[in-house]
Amino acid sequence: MPEYRFIEWNEDNFDVRACPYVERAYRAREFAFVSDYARGKALYDHGGIYLDTDVEVLKPFDDLLSYRSFWGFEAGNFIAAGIIGAVPGHDIIKAYLGQYHTANYPGGKRRRRS
């Protein structure tokens, strides 16, 4: 996919003090919580396509680029955050980020759905 620009988001280009929830998760070294917010912030500010590092792209996203947002599915009706596309400033991404600004960081290890 040579026509795409790839950006790795890390401490050099993402503020881990973006909100108290993210800062506490970062200090606790629970980076999955931090990345949940970072992906939304990058999409909200810049737009584009977010991919988890373990996602294998089998074909171009061209057919989806006419939509203001698209989301991947992990299984059945379970929306997976490993593939998200959105235009900058998308309302759903804004709402997604808003929950982190009002939530208290729970501490402890993240639990996965089974």
C-alpha atoms as a PDB file:
ATOM      1  CA  MET A   1       0.000   0.000   0.000  1.00  0.00           C
ATOM      2  CA  PRO A   2       2.595   2.526  -1.093  1.00  0.00           C
ATOM      3  CA  GLU A   3       0.046   5.345  -1.507  1.00  0.00           C
ATOM      4  CA  TYR A   4      -0.709   5.330   2.245  1.00  0.00           C
ATOM      5  CA  ARG A   5       1.323   7.224   4.830  1.00  0.00           C
ATOM      6  CA  PHE A   6       2.023   5.232   7.990  1.00  0.00           C
ATOM      7  CA  ILE A   7       2.458   6.895  11.379  1.00  0.00           C
ATOM      8  CA  GLU A   8       3.495   5.137  14.560  1.00  0.00           C
ATOM      9  CA  TRP A   9       1.956   6.873  17.579  1.00  0.00           C
ATOM     10  CA  ASN A  10       4.178   6.837  20.663  1.00  0.00           C
ATOM     11  CA  GLU A  11       5.454   9.088  23.442  1.00  0.00           C
ATOM     12  CA  ASP A  12       7.265  11.271  20.894  1.00  0.00           C
ATOM     13  CA  ASN A  13       4.085  12.358  19.089  1.00  0.00           C
ATOM     14  CA  PHE A  14       1.314  11.688  21.633  1.00  0.00           C
ATOM     15  CA  ASP A  15       0.870  13.457  24.979  1.00  0.00           C
ATOM     16  CA  VAL A  16       0.484  10.763  27.632  1.00  0.00           C
ATOM     17  CA  ARG A  17      -0.870  13.509  29.909  1.00  0.00           C
ATOM     18  CA  ALA A  18      -3.804  14.130  27.527  1.00  0.00           C
ATOM     19  CA  CYS A  19      -6.266  13.516  30.360  1.00  0.00           C
ATOM     20  CA  PRO A  20      -6.015  12.137  33.928  1.00  0.00           C
ATOM     21  CA  TYR A  21      -7.301   8.690  32.881  1.00  0.00           C
ATOM     22  CA  VAL A  22      -4.571   8.258  30.271  1.00  0.00           C
ATOM     23  CA  GLU A  23      -1.850   9.677  32.501  1.00  0.00           C
ATOM     24  CA  ARG A  24      -2.712   7.264  35.339  1.00  0.00           C
ATOM     25  CA  ALA A  25      -2.823   4.297  32.960  1.00  0.00           C
ATOM     26  CA  TYR A  26       0.564   5.299  31.552  1.00  0.00           C
ATOM     27  CA  ARG A  27       2.108   5.597  35.012  1.00  0.00           C
ATOM     28  CA  ALA A  28       0.679   2.154  35.855  1.00  0.00           C
ATOM     29  CA  ARG A  29       2.294   0.825  32.643  1.00  0.00           C
ATOM     30  CA  GLU A  30      -1.084  -0.359  31.382  1.00  0.00           C
ATOM     31  CA  PHE A  31      -0.395   0.694  27.834  1.00  0.00           C
ATOM     32  CA  ALA A  32      -3.468  -0.936  26.310  1.00  0.00           C
ATOM     33  CA  PHE A  33      -5.601   1.660  28.125  1.00  0.00           C
ATOM     34  CA  VAL A  34      -3.333   4.425  26.823  1.00  0.00           C
ATOM     35  CA  SER A  35      -3.519   3.142  23.253  1.00  0.00           C
ATOM     36  CA  ASP A  36      -7.329   3.025  23.413  1.00  0.00           C
ATOM     37  CA  TYR A  37      -7.344   6.783  23.900  1.00  0.00           C
ATOM     38  CA  ALA A  38      -4.380   7.504  21.605  1.00  0.00           C
ATOM     39  CA  ARG A  39      -6.036   5.847  18.607  1.00  0.00           C
ATOM     40  CA  GLY A  40      -9.171   7.937  19.073  1.00  0.00           C
ATOM     41  CA  LYS A  41      -7.212  11.151  19.573  1.00  0.00           C
ATOM     42  CA  ALA A  42      -5.139  10.570  16.440  1.00  0.00           C
ATOM     43  CA  LEU A  43      -8.262   9.844  14.402  1.00  0.00           C
ATOM     44  CA  TYR A  44     -10.162  12.811  15.800  1.00  0.00           C
ATOM     45  CA  ASP A  45      -7.326  15.253  15.183  1.00  0.00           C
ATOM     46  CA  HIS A  46      -5.989  13.926  11.884  1.00  0.00           C
ATOM     47  CA  GLY A  47      -8.489  11.467  10.425  1.00  0.00           C
ATOM     48  CA  GLY A  48      -7.285   8.397   8.597  1.00  0.00           C
ATOM     49  CA  ILE A  49      -7.233   4.688   9.242  1.00  0.00           C
ATOM     50  CA  TYR A  50      -6.098   3.146  12.513  1.00  0.00           C
ATOM     51  CA  LEU A  51      -4.758  -0.410  12.480  1.00  0.00           C
ATOM     52  CA  ASP A  52      -3.563  -2.512  15.392  1.00  0.00           C
ATOM     53  CA  THR A  53      -0.067  -3.851  14.789  1.00  0.00           C
ATOM     54  CA  ASP A  54      -1.373  -7.413  14.412  1.00  0.00           C
ATOM     55  CA  VAL A  55      -3.812  -6.565  11.595  1.00  0.00           C
ATOM     56  CA  GLU A  56      -3.031  -8.061   8.205  1.00  0.00           C
ATOM     57  CA  VAL A  57      -4.357  -5.949   5.341  1.00  0.00           C
ATOM     58  CA  LEU A  58      -5.553  -8.162   2.496  1.00  0.00           C
ATOM     59  CA  LYS A  59      -6.848  -5.487   0.117  1.00  0.00           C
ATOM     60  CA  PRO A  60      -6.893  -1.685  -0.174  1.00  0.00           C
ATOM     61  CA  PHE A  61      -9.384   0.370   1.806  1.00  0.00           C
ATOM     62  CA  ASP A  62     -10.416   2.348  -1.284  1.00  0.00           C
ATOM     63  CA  ASP A  63     -14.040   1.099  -1.269  1.00  0.00           C
ATOM     64  CA  LEU A  64     -14.488   2.414   2.287  1.00  0.00           C
ATOM     65  CA  LEU A  65     -12.931   5.857   1.859  1.00  0.00           C
ATOM     66  CA  SER A  66     -16.186   7.478   0.720  1.00  0.00           C
ATOM     67  CA  TYR A  67     -17.655   6.909   4.213  1.00  0.00           C
ATOM     68  CA  ARG A  68     -17.101   9.365   7.066  1.00  0.00           C
ATOM     69  CA  SER A  69     -16.268   6.430   9.330  1.00  0.00           C
ATOM     70  CA  PHE A  70     -15.883   2.668   9.210  1.00  0.00           C
ATOM     71  CA  TRP A  71     -15.132   0.101  11.909  1.00  0.00           C
ATOM     72  CA  GLY A  72     -13.918  -3.485  11.829  1.00  0.00           C
ATOM     73  CA  PHE A  73     -15.765  -6.414  13.333  1.00  0.00           C
ATOM     74  CA  GLU A  74     -13.987  -9.070  15.346  1.00  0.00           C
ATOM     75  CA  ALA A  75     -16.772 -11.656  15.448  1.00  0.00           C
ATOM     76  CA  GLY A  76     -20.491 -11.409  14.788  1.00  0.00           C
ATOM     77  CA  ASN A  77     -21.725  -8.025  16.010  1.00  0.00           C
ATOM     78  CA  PHE A  78     -18.687  -7.269  18.212  1.00  0.00           C
ATOM     79  CA  ILE A  79     -17.065  -4.042  16.985  1.00  0.00           C
ATOM     80  CA  ALA A  80     -13.301  -4.321  17.209  1.00  0.00           C
ATOM     81  CA  ALA A  81     -11.178  -1.236  17.746  1.00  0.00           C
ATOM     82  CA  GLY A  82      -8.298  -2.797  15.775  1.00  0.00           C
ATOM     83  CA  ILE A  83      -9.494  -1.237  12.504  1.00  0.00           C
ATOM     84  CA  ILE A  84     -11.146   2.177  12.478  1.00  0.00           C
ATOM     85  CA  GLY A  85     -11.369   4.765   9.739  1.00  0.00           C
ATOM     86  CA  ALA A  86     -12.727   8.277  10.239  1.00  0.00           C
ATOM     87  CA  VAL A  87     -12.596  11.818   8.959  1.00  0.00           C
ATOM     88  CA  PRO A  88     -11.089  14.421  11.319  1.00  0.00           C
ATOM     89  CA  GLY A  89     -13.521  15.683  13.966  1.00  0.00           C
ATOM     90  CA  HIS A  90     -15.999  12.818  13.579  1.00  0.00           C
ATOM     91  CA  ASP A  91     -18.803  12.995  16.198  1.00  0.00           C
ATOM     92  CA  ILE A  92     -18.571   9.313  17.172  1.00  0.00           C
ATOM     93  CA  ILE A  93     -14.838   9.615  17.784  1.00  0.00           C
ATOM     94  CA  LYS A  94     -15.498  12.773  19.817  1.00  0.00           C
ATOM     95  CA  ALA A  95     -17.999  10.876  21.987  1.00  0.00           C
ATOM     96  CA  TYR A  96     -15.550   7.973  22.310  1.00  0.00           C
ATOM     97  CA  LEU A  97     -12.860  10.355  23.606  1.00  0.00           C
ATOM     98  CA  GLY A  98     -15.322  12.130  25.894  1.00  0.00           C
ATOM     99  CA  GLN A  99     -15.846   9.024  27.980  1.00  0.00           C
ATOM    100  CA  TYR A 100     -12.170   9.094  28.979  1.00  0.00           C
ATOM    101  CA  HIS A 101     -12.420  12.677  30.186  1.00  0.00           C
ATOM    102  CA  THR A 102     -15.202  11.760  32.601  1.00  0.00           C
ATOM    103  CA  ALA A 103     -14.088   8.243  33.609  1.00  0.00           C
ATOM    104  CA  ASN A 104     -11.956   7.335  36.567  1.00  0.00           C
ATOM    105  CA  TYR A 105      -9.040   5.091  35.709  1.00  0.00           C
ATOM    106  CA  PRO A 106      -9.893   1.778  37.415  1.00  0.00           C
ATOM    107  CA  GLY A 107      -6.343   0.499  37.872  1.00  0.00           C
ATOM    108  CA  GLY A 108      -5.619  -3.194  37.752  1.00  0.00           C
ATOM    109  CA  LYS A 109      -5.192  -5.276  34.666  1.00  0.00           C
ATOM    110  CA  ARG A 110      -7.601  -5.023  31.768  1.00  0.00           C
ATOM    111  CA  ARG A 111      -9.967  -7.911  31.315  1.00  0.00           C
ATOM    112  CA  ARG A 112     -10.621  -9.330  27.874  1.00  0.00           C
ATOM    113  CA  ARG A 113     -13.987 -10.439  26.602  1.00  0.00           C
ATOM    114  CA  SER A 114     -14.250 -14.169  26.211  1.00  0.00           C
END
